[in-house]
Amino acid sequence: MAKKPRVDPKLQSLRQQGSLNPRPQSVRDELFGHGEFFDPRDLVQVKYEMLRRVQEDGQPISEAAAKFGFSRPSFYQAQTAFEVSGLSGLVPHKRGPKEAHKLTAEVIEFVQQARQQDPSLRSADLASKIKERFELVVHPRTIERGLSRHQKKP
């Protein structure tokens, strides 16, 4: 009987939080070479230790950035984020739009009215109508999600 592969809970946690270092092999600082406490997979810890090396140990920025697998501009971004928000500033943020920016209140109202007039309209049909009316390309699935978010609650 084959053994199940051992699941690494820290790896799973880092992945879920979005703080898994995509290049742990680039971290060459001696702290991360031994033991389990300093983990090159933990992006927040790596960034913090890079900043500490410069601030407390006086290591040159270019040297510290290289040892921790970052560029100088990335160092300065981390430094600014840390100064503004503390440790939480080092946690990566999701990229891209934070909300359905194409489906404005006007577009949603238009879609709801179109559906009231003709309940048989599919999302693809609605996407065509939106393109005609607003000159806006919207994926049918985006329309479905937008409608479900804006459904009137009983």
N, C-alpha and C. Protein backbone atom coordinates (compact mmCIF):
# COMPACT_ATOMS: atom_id res chain seq x y z
N MET A 1 0.84 -1.18 0.00
CA MET A 1 0.00 0.00 0.00
C MET A 1 0.89 1.24 0.00
N ALA A 2 0.61 2.19 -0.87
CA ALA A 2 1.42 3.40 -1.00
C ALA A 2 1.12 4.36 0.14
N LYS A 3 2.18 5.01 0.61
CA LYS A 3 2.02 5.99 1.67
C LYS A 3 1.55 7.31 1.09
N LYS A 4 0.71 8.00 1.85
CA LYS A 4 0.27 9.33 1.42
C LYS A 4 1.42 10.30 1.65
N PRO A 5 1.61 11.24 0.71
CA PRO A 5 2.66 12.22 0.93
C PRO A 5 2.32 13.10 2.13
N ARG A 6 3.34 13.43 2.91
CA ARG A 6 3.14 14.25 4.11
C ARG A 6 2.81 15.69 3.70
N VAL A 7 1.77 16.21 4.27
CA VAL A 7 1.33 17.57 3.97
C VAL A 7 2.06 18.53 4.91
N ASP A 8 2.66 19.56 4.36
CA ASP A 8 3.36 20.56 5.15
C ASP A 8 2.38 21.67 5.50
N PRO A 9 1.93 21.74 6.77
CA PRO A 9 0.92 22.74 7.14
C PRO A 9 1.41 24.18 6.97
N LYS A 10 2.70 24.43 7.20
CA LYS A 10 3.20 25.79 7.04
C LYS A 10 3.16 26.20 5.57
N LEU A 11 3.55 25.28 4.70
CA LEU A 11 3.52 25.56 3.27
C LEU A 11 2.09 25.88 2.83
N GLN A 12 1.14 25.09 3.30
CA GLN A 12 -0.27 25.33 2.97
C GLN A 12 -0.72 26.69 3.47
N SER A 13 -0.34 27.03 4.69
CA SER A 13 -0.73 28.30 5.29
C SER A 13 -0.14 29.48 4.52
N LEU A 14 1.14 29.39 4.20
CA LEU A 14 1.78 30.47 3.44
C LEU A 14 1.10 30.64 2.08
N ARG A 15 0.77 29.55 1.46
CA ARG A 15 0.10 29.59 0.15
C ARG A 15 -1.27 30.25 0.28
N GLN A 16 -2.04 29.88 1.30
CA GLN A 16 -3.38 30.43 1.51
C GLN A 16 -3.33 31.93 1.79
N GLN A 17 -2.32 32.36 2.55
CA GLN A 17 -2.21 33.77 2.92
C GLN A 17 -1.61 34.61 1.80
N GLY A 18 -1.10 33.96 0.77
CA GLY A 18 -0.48 34.69 -0.33
C GLY A 18 0.91 35.16 0.00
N SER A 19 1.53 34.58 1.03
CA SER A 19 2.86 35.02 1.44
C SER A 19 3.92 33.94 1.21
N LEU A 20 3.67 33.07 0.26
CA LEU A 20 4.66 32.06 -0.11
C LEU A 20 5.65 32.70 -1.07
N ASN A 21 6.92 32.66 -0.70
CA ASN A 21 7.97 33.26 -1.53
C ASN A 21 8.09 32.47 -2.83
N PRO A 22 7.91 33.13 -3.97
CA PRO A 22 7.99 32.41 -5.24
C PRO A 22 9.41 31.98 -5.61
N ARG A 23 10.41 32.57 -4.94
CA ARG A 23 11.81 32.25 -5.23
C ARG A 23 12.61 32.00 -3.95
N PRO A 24 12.25 31.00 -3.16
CA PRO A 24 12.99 30.75 -1.91
C PRO A 24 14.45 30.37 -2.16
N GLN A 25 14.73 29.79 -3.31
CA GLN A 25 16.11 29.40 -3.63
C GLN A 25 17.01 30.62 -3.84
N SER A 26 16.43 31.80 -4.03
CA SER A 26 17.22 33.02 -4.22
C SER A 26 17.71 33.62 -2.91
N VAL A 27 17.16 33.16 -1.79
CA VAL A 27 17.55 33.69 -0.48
C VAL A 27 18.87 33.03 -0.09
N ARG A 28 19.93 33.85 -0.02
CA ARG A 28 21.26 33.32 0.27
C ARG A 28 21.84 33.83 1.59
N ASP A 29 21.06 34.57 2.34
CA ASP A 29 21.54 35.09 3.62
C ASP A 29 21.78 33.92 4.57
N GLU A 30 22.86 34.02 5.37
CA GLU A 30 23.25 32.91 6.25
C GLU A 30 22.19 32.54 7.29
N LEU A 31 21.33 33.48 7.69
CA LEU A 31 20.28 33.16 8.65
C LEU A 31 19.35 32.07 8.13
N PHE A 32 19.13 32.07 6.83
CA PHE A 32 18.16 31.15 6.24
C PHE A 32 18.78 29.83 5.81
N GLY A 33 20.02 29.63 6.13
CA GLY A 33 20.69 28.40 5.73
C GLY A 33 20.58 27.27 6.73
N HIS A 34 20.26 27.57 7.98
CA HIS A 34 20.25 26.55 9.03
C HIS A 34 18.98 26.65 9.85
N GLY A 35 18.50 25.51 10.30
CA GLY A 35 17.35 25.48 11.20
C GLY A 35 16.05 25.72 10.48
N GLU A 36 14.99 25.70 11.27
CA GLU A 36 13.65 25.85 10.71
C GLU A 36 13.03 27.20 10.99
N PHE A 37 13.59 27.95 11.94
CA PHE A 37 12.96 29.22 12.30
C PHE A 37 12.98 30.21 11.15
N PHE A 38 14.12 30.38 10.53
CA PHE A 38 14.24 31.28 9.39
C PHE A 38 13.92 30.49 8.13
N ASP A 39 12.76 30.75 7.58
CA ASP A 39 12.23 29.97 6.46
C ASP A 39 12.23 30.80 5.19
N PRO A 40 13.03 30.44 4.20
CA PRO A 40 13.08 31.24 2.95
C PRO A 40 11.77 31.19 2.17
N ARG A 41 10.86 30.30 2.53
CA ARG A 41 9.56 30.25 1.85
C ARG A 41 8.62 31.33 2.36
N ASP A 42 8.91 31.89 3.54
CA ASP A 42 8.04 32.89 4.17
C ASP A 42 8.45 34.28 3.68
N LEU A 43 7.70 34.80 2.72
CA LEU A 43 8.04 36.07 2.08
C LEU A 43 8.07 37.23 3.06
N VAL A 44 7.15 37.26 4.01
CA VAL A 44 7.11 38.35 4.99
C VAL A 44 8.36 38.32 5.86
N GLN A 45 8.74 37.15 6.32
CA GLN A 45 9.94 37.02 7.15
C GLN A 45 11.20 37.41 6.36
N VAL A 46 11.27 36.98 5.13
CA VAL A 46 12.44 37.30 4.30
C VAL A 46 12.56 38.81 4.10
N LYS A 47 11.45 39.46 3.79
CA LYS A 47 11.47 40.92 3.59
C LYS A 47 11.87 41.64 4.88
N TYR A 48 11.28 41.20 6.00
CA TYR A 48 11.59 41.83 7.28
C TYR A 48 13.07 41.71 7.61
N GLU A 49 13.61 40.52 7.44
CA GLU A 49 15.02 40.31 7.75
C GLU A 49 15.92 41.10 6.81
N MET A 50 15.52 41.27 5.58
CA MET A 50 16.28 42.10 4.64
C MET A 50 16.30 43.55 5.13
N LEU A 51 15.16 44.06 5.54
CA LEU A 51 15.10 45.44 6.05
C LEU A 51 15.93 45.58 7.32
N ARG A 52 15.86 44.57 8.20
CA ARG A 52 16.62 44.61 9.45
C ARG A 52 18.11 44.61 9.19
N ARG A 53 18.55 43.83 8.21
CA ARG A 53 19.98 43.78 7.86
C ARG A 53 20.51 45.16 7.52
N VAL A 54 19.71 45.92 6.80
CA VAL A 54 20.15 47.27 6.41
C VAL A 54 20.04 48.22 7.59
N GLN A 55 18.88 48.23 8.24
CA GLN A 55 18.62 49.17 9.33
C GLN A 55 19.50 48.93 10.56
N GLU A 56 19.57 47.70 11.02
CA GLU A 56 20.27 47.40 12.27
C GLU A 56 21.73 46.99 12.07
N ASP A 57 22.01 46.25 11.01
CA ASP A 57 23.37 45.76 10.81
C ASP A 57 24.19 46.65 9.89
N GLY A 58 23.54 47.63 9.26
CA GLY A 58 24.25 48.57 8.40
C GLY A 58 24.73 47.98 7.08
N GLN A 59 24.13 46.89 6.66
CA GLN A 59 24.53 46.29 5.39
C GLN A 59 24.06 47.18 4.23
N PRO A 60 24.88 47.34 3.20
CA PRO A 60 24.45 48.16 2.05
C PRO A 60 23.18 47.58 1.41
N ILE A 61 22.33 48.46 0.93
CA ILE A 61 21.05 48.06 0.37
C ILE A 61 21.21 47.07 -0.78
N SER A 62 22.11 47.36 -1.71
CA SER A 62 22.27 46.48 -2.88
C SER A 62 22.73 45.08 -2.45
N GLU A 63 23.59 45.01 -1.44
CA GLU A 63 24.09 43.73 -0.95
C GLU A 63 22.97 42.95 -0.26
N ALA A 64 22.23 43.64 0.60
CA ALA A 64 21.13 42.98 1.32
C ALA A 64 20.06 42.50 0.34
N ALA A 65 19.70 43.35 -0.60
CA ALA A 65 18.67 42.97 -1.58
C ALA A 65 19.10 41.71 -2.33
N ALA A 66 20.34 41.66 -2.76
CA ALA A 66 20.83 40.50 -3.51
C ALA A 66 20.82 39.24 -2.65
N LYS A 67 21.26 39.35 -1.39
CA LYS A 67 21.30 38.18 -0.51
C LYS A 67 19.92 37.63 -0.18
N PHE A 68 18.91 38.49 -0.24
CA PHE A 68 17.57 38.06 0.09
C PHE A 68 16.71 37.80 -1.15
N GLY A 69 17.33 37.89 -2.32
CA GLY A 69 16.64 37.55 -3.55
C GLY A 69 15.75 38.64 -4.12
N PHE A 70 16.08 39.90 -3.82
CA PHE A 70 15.28 41.02 -4.30
C PHE A 70 16.14 42.00 -5.08
N SER A 71 15.48 42.88 -5.80
CA SER A 71 16.15 43.97 -6.49
C SER A 71 16.17 45.18 -5.55
N ARG A 72 16.96 46.19 -5.89
CA ARG A 72 16.97 47.41 -5.08
C ARG A 72 15.59 48.08 -5.07
N PRO A 73 14.91 48.20 -6.24
CA PRO A 73 13.57 48.80 -6.18
C PRO A 73 12.61 48.03 -5.27
N SER A 74 12.73 46.70 -5.27
CA SER A 74 11.87 45.90 -4.39
C SER A 74 12.19 46.17 -2.93
N PHE A 75 13.46 46.39 -2.63
CA PHE A 75 13.86 46.75 -1.26
C PHE A 75 13.15 48.03 -0.85
N TYR A 76 13.23 49.05 -1.71
CA TYR A 76 12.63 50.34 -1.38
C TYR A 76 11.11 50.24 -1.24
N GLN A 77 10.48 49.41 -2.06
CA GLN A 77 9.04 49.20 -1.92
C GLN A 77 8.72 48.56 -0.57
N ALA A 78 9.49 47.56 -0.19
CA ALA A 78 9.27 46.90 1.10
C ALA A 78 9.52 47.88 2.25
N GLN A 79 10.56 48.69 2.12
CA GLN A 79 10.90 49.67 3.16
C GLN A 79 9.75 50.66 3.35
N THR A 80 9.22 51.17 2.26
CA THR A 80 8.11 52.13 2.33
C THR A 80 6.87 51.48 2.92
N ALA A 81 6.56 50.26 2.47
CA ALA A 81 5.39 49.55 2.98
C ALA A 81 5.52 49.32 4.48
N PHE A 82 6.72 48.97 4.94
CA PHE A 82 6.95 48.73 6.36
C PHE A 82 6.83 50.02 7.17
N GLU A 83 7.36 51.12 6.64
CA GLU A 83 7.28 52.40 7.34
C GLU A 83 5.83 52.88 7.46
N VAL A 84 5.03 52.62 6.44
CA VAL A 84 3.64 53.07 6.44
C VAL A 84 2.74 52.16 7.27
N SER A 85 2.91 50.84 7.13
CA SER A 85 1.95 49.90 7.72
C SER A 85 2.54 48.91 8.70
N GLY A 86 3.83 48.98 8.96
CA GLY A 86 4.44 48.01 9.85
C GLY A 86 4.54 46.65 9.18
N LEU A 87 4.57 45.62 9.98
CA LEU A 87 4.74 44.27 9.47
C LEU A 87 3.65 43.87 8.47
N SER A 88 2.43 44.33 8.70
CA SER A 88 1.35 43.98 7.78
C SER A 88 1.56 44.57 6.38
N GLY A 89 2.38 45.60 6.28
CA GLY A 89 2.70 46.18 4.98
C GLY A 89 3.55 45.27 4.12
N LEU A 90 4.19 44.28 4.75
CA LEU A 90 5.04 43.35 4.00
C LEU A 90 4.25 42.17 3.42
N VAL A 91 2.99 42.03 3.85
CA VAL A 91 2.15 40.96 3.33
C VAL A 91 1.72 41.35 1.91
N PRO A 92 1.95 40.48 0.94
CA PRO A 92 1.57 40.82 -0.44
C PRO A 92 0.06 41.02 -0.57
N HIS A 93 -0.31 41.96 -1.42
CA HIS A 93 -1.72 42.23 -1.68
C HIS A 93 -2.11 41.62 -3.01
N LYS A 94 -3.36 41.23 -3.11
CA LYS A 94 -3.83 40.68 -4.37
C LYS A 94 -3.79 41.77 -5.43
N ARG A 95 -3.38 41.36 -6.62
CA ARG A 95 -3.31 42.29 -7.72
C ARG A 95 -4.63 42.30 -8.47
N GLY A 96 -4.79 43.30 -9.29
CA GLY A 96 -5.97 43.36 -10.16
C GLY A 96 -7.13 44.09 -9.51
N PRO A 97 -8.24 44.14 -10.24
CA PRO A 97 -9.42 44.86 -9.74
C PRO A 97 -9.94 44.25 -8.44
N LYS A 98 -10.41 45.09 -7.55
CA LYS A 98 -10.92 44.63 -6.27
C LYS A 98 -12.43 44.42 -6.30
N GLU A 99 -13.06 44.87 -7.35
CA GLU A 99 -14.50 44.71 -7.47
C GLU A 99 -14.87 44.69 -8.94
N ALA A 100 -16.14 44.44 -9.21
CA ALA A 100 -16.61 44.40 -10.59
C ALA A 100 -16.72 45.83 -11.10
N HIS A 101 -15.62 46.35 -11.62
CA HIS A 101 -15.57 47.76 -12.00
C HIS A 101 -16.32 48.07 -13.29
N LYS A 102 -16.60 47.08 -14.11
CA LYS A 102 -17.34 47.32 -15.35
C LYS A 102 -18.84 47.40 -15.10
N LEU A 103 -19.29 46.67 -14.10
CA LEU A 103 -20.72 46.63 -13.84
C LEU A 103 -21.11 47.74 -12.88
N THR A 104 -21.22 48.93 -13.43
CA THR A 104 -21.64 50.07 -12.63
C THR A 104 -23.11 49.93 -12.28
N ALA A 105 -23.60 50.78 -11.42
CA ALA A 105 -25.01 50.75 -11.03
C ALA A 105 -25.90 50.93 -12.27
N GLU A 106 -25.48 51.78 -13.19
CA GLU A 106 -26.24 52.03 -14.42
C GLU A 106 -26.33 50.76 -15.28
N VAL A 107 -25.23 50.04 -15.41
CA VAL A 107 -25.22 48.81 -16.21
C VAL A 107 -26.08 47.74 -15.54
N ILE A 108 -25.96 47.59 -14.24
CA ILE A 108 -26.77 46.59 -13.52
C ILE A 108 -28.25 46.92 -13.67
N GLU A 109 -28.60 48.18 -13.55
CA GLU A 109 -30.00 48.58 -13.69
C GLU A 109 -30.50 48.25 -15.10
N PHE A 110 -29.68 48.53 -16.10
CA PHE A 110 -30.02 48.21 -17.49
C PHE A 110 -30.26 46.71 -17.66
N VAL A 111 -29.38 45.89 -17.09
CA VAL A 111 -29.48 44.43 -17.20
C VAL A 111 -30.75 43.95 -16.50
N GLN A 112 -31.03 44.48 -15.33
CA GLN A 112 -32.23 44.06 -14.59
C GLN A 112 -33.50 44.42 -15.36
N GLN A 113 -33.52 45.60 -15.97
CA GLN A 113 -34.68 46.01 -16.76
C GLN A 113 -34.84 45.11 -17.99
N ALA A 114 -33.73 44.79 -18.64
CA ALA A 114 -33.77 43.92 -19.81
C ALA A 114 -34.30 42.55 -19.42
N ARG A 115 -33.89 42.04 -18.28
CA ARG A 115 -34.36 40.73 -17.81
C ARG A 115 -35.85 40.78 -17.45
N GLN A 116 -36.31 41.92 -16.91
CA GLN A 116 -37.74 42.04 -16.57
C GLN A 116 -38.58 42.02 -17.85
N GLN A 117 -38.09 42.70 -18.87
CA GLN A 117 -38.82 42.75 -20.13
C GLN A 117 -38.80 41.40 -20.84
N ASP A 118 -37.69 40.68 -20.72
CA ASP A 118 -37.56 39.37 -21.39
C ASP A 118 -36.77 38.42 -20.49
N PRO A 119 -37.47 37.68 -19.62
CA PRO A 119 -36.80 36.77 -18.68
C PRO A 119 -36.02 35.64 -19.35
N SER A 120 -36.25 35.40 -20.64
CA SER A 120 -35.55 34.32 -21.33
C SER A 120 -34.15 34.72 -21.79
N LEU A 121 -33.78 35.98 -21.59
CA LEU A 121 -32.44 36.43 -22.02
C LEU A 121 -31.35 35.71 -21.23
N ARG A 122 -30.38 35.18 -21.97
CA ARG A 122 -29.24 34.52 -21.33
C ARG A 122 -28.15 35.57 -21.09
N SER A 123 -27.17 35.19 -20.33
CA SER A 123 -26.06 36.10 -20.01
C SER A 123 -25.33 36.55 -21.27
N ALA A 124 -25.17 35.66 -22.24
CA ALA A 124 -24.50 36.02 -23.50
C ALA A 124 -25.32 37.08 -24.26
N ASP A 125 -26.65 36.95 -24.21
CA ASP A 125 -27.51 37.94 -24.86
C ASP A 125 -27.36 39.30 -24.17
N LEU A 126 -27.32 39.25 -22.85
CA LEU A 126 -27.16 40.49 -22.07
C LEU A 126 -25.81 41.15 -22.36
N ALA A 127 -24.78 40.33 -22.53
CA ALA A 127 -23.45 40.86 -22.85
C ALA A 127 -23.50 41.61 -24.18
N SER A 128 -24.24 41.07 -25.15
CA SER A 128 -24.39 41.75 -26.45
C SER A 128 -25.14 43.07 -26.31
N LYS A 129 -26.18 43.06 -25.50
CA LYS A 129 -26.95 44.29 -25.28
C LYS A 129 -26.11 45.35 -24.58
N ILE A 130 -25.29 44.93 -23.62
CA ILE A 130 -24.42 45.87 -22.92
C ILE A 130 -23.41 46.48 -23.90
N LYS A 131 -22.89 45.64 -24.78
CA LYS A 131 -21.92 46.14 -25.76
C LYS A 131 -22.58 47.17 -26.69
N GLU A 132 -23.81 46.89 -27.13
CA GLU A 132 -24.53 47.82 -27.99
C GLU A 132 -24.78 49.15 -27.29
N ARG A 133 -25.28 49.06 -26.07
CA ARG A 133 -25.73 50.26 -25.35
C ARG A 133 -24.56 51.07 -24.76
N PHE A 134 -23.60 50.38 -24.14
CA PHE A 134 -22.54 51.08 -23.41
C PHE A 134 -21.16 51.00 -24.07
N GLU A 135 -21.07 50.26 -25.19
CA GLU A 135 -19.78 50.02 -25.85
C GLU A 135 -18.78 49.45 -24.84
N LEU A 136 -19.26 48.45 -24.11
CA LEU A 136 -18.49 47.84 -23.03
C LEU A 136 -18.52 46.33 -23.20
N VAL A 137 -17.35 45.71 -23.22
CA VAL A 137 -17.27 44.26 -23.35
C VAL A 137 -17.26 43.64 -21.95
N VAL A 138 -18.26 42.82 -21.68
CA VAL A 138 -18.39 42.17 -20.38
C VAL A 138 -18.61 40.68 -20.61
N HIS A 139 -17.88 39.87 -19.89
CA HIS A 139 -18.03 38.42 -20.01
C HIS A 139 -19.37 37.99 -19.40
N PRO A 140 -20.04 37.03 -20.03
CA PRO A 140 -21.33 36.57 -19.50
C PRO A 140 -21.27 36.13 -18.03
N ARG A 141 -20.18 35.50 -17.63
CA ARG A 141 -20.06 35.05 -16.23
C ARG A 141 -19.99 36.26 -15.28
N THR A 142 -19.38 37.34 -15.73
CA THR A 142 -19.32 38.56 -14.92
C THR A 142 -20.73 39.10 -14.70
N ILE A 143 -21.56 39.02 -15.71
CA ILE A 143 -22.95 39.47 -15.59
C ILE A 143 -23.69 38.61 -14.57
N GLU A 144 -23.50 37.30 -14.66
CA GLU A 144 -24.16 36.40 -13.71
C GLU A 144 -23.76 36.71 -12.28
N ARG A 145 -22.45 36.92 -12.06
CA ARG A 145 -21.99 37.23 -10.70
C ARG A 145 -22.54 38.58 -10.24
N GLY A 146 -22.55 39.54 -11.15
CA GLY A 146 -23.06 40.86 -10.80
C GLY A 146 -24.53 40.83 -10.43
N LEU A 147 -25.30 40.07 -11.19
CA LEU A 147 -26.72 39.95 -10.89
C LEU A 147 -26.96 39.27 -9.55
N SER A 148 -26.18 38.24 -9.28
CA SER A 148 -26.37 37.53 -8.00
C SER A 148 -25.99 38.44 -6.82
N ARG A 149 -25.02 39.31 -7.00
CA ARG A 149 -24.65 40.26 -5.93
C ARG A 149 -25.72 41.31 -5.70
N HIS A 150 -26.41 41.67 -6.76
CA HIS A 150 -27.38 42.77 -6.67
C HIS A 150 -28.83 42.31 -6.59
N GLN A 151 -29.04 41.03 -6.38
CA GLN A 151 -30.42 40.55 -6.25
C GLN A 151 -31.05 41.16 -5.03
N LYS A 152 -32.31 41.50 -5.19
CA LYS A 152 -33.03 42.07 -4.06
C LYS A 152 -33.30 40.95 -3.04
N LYS A 153 -32.99 41.24 -1.78
CA LYS A 153 -33.21 40.27 -0.72
C LYS A 153 -34.66 40.39 -0.25
N PRO A 154 -35.36 39.23 -0.06
CA PRO A 154 -36.77 39.28 0.38
C PRO A 154 -36.91 39.79 1.79
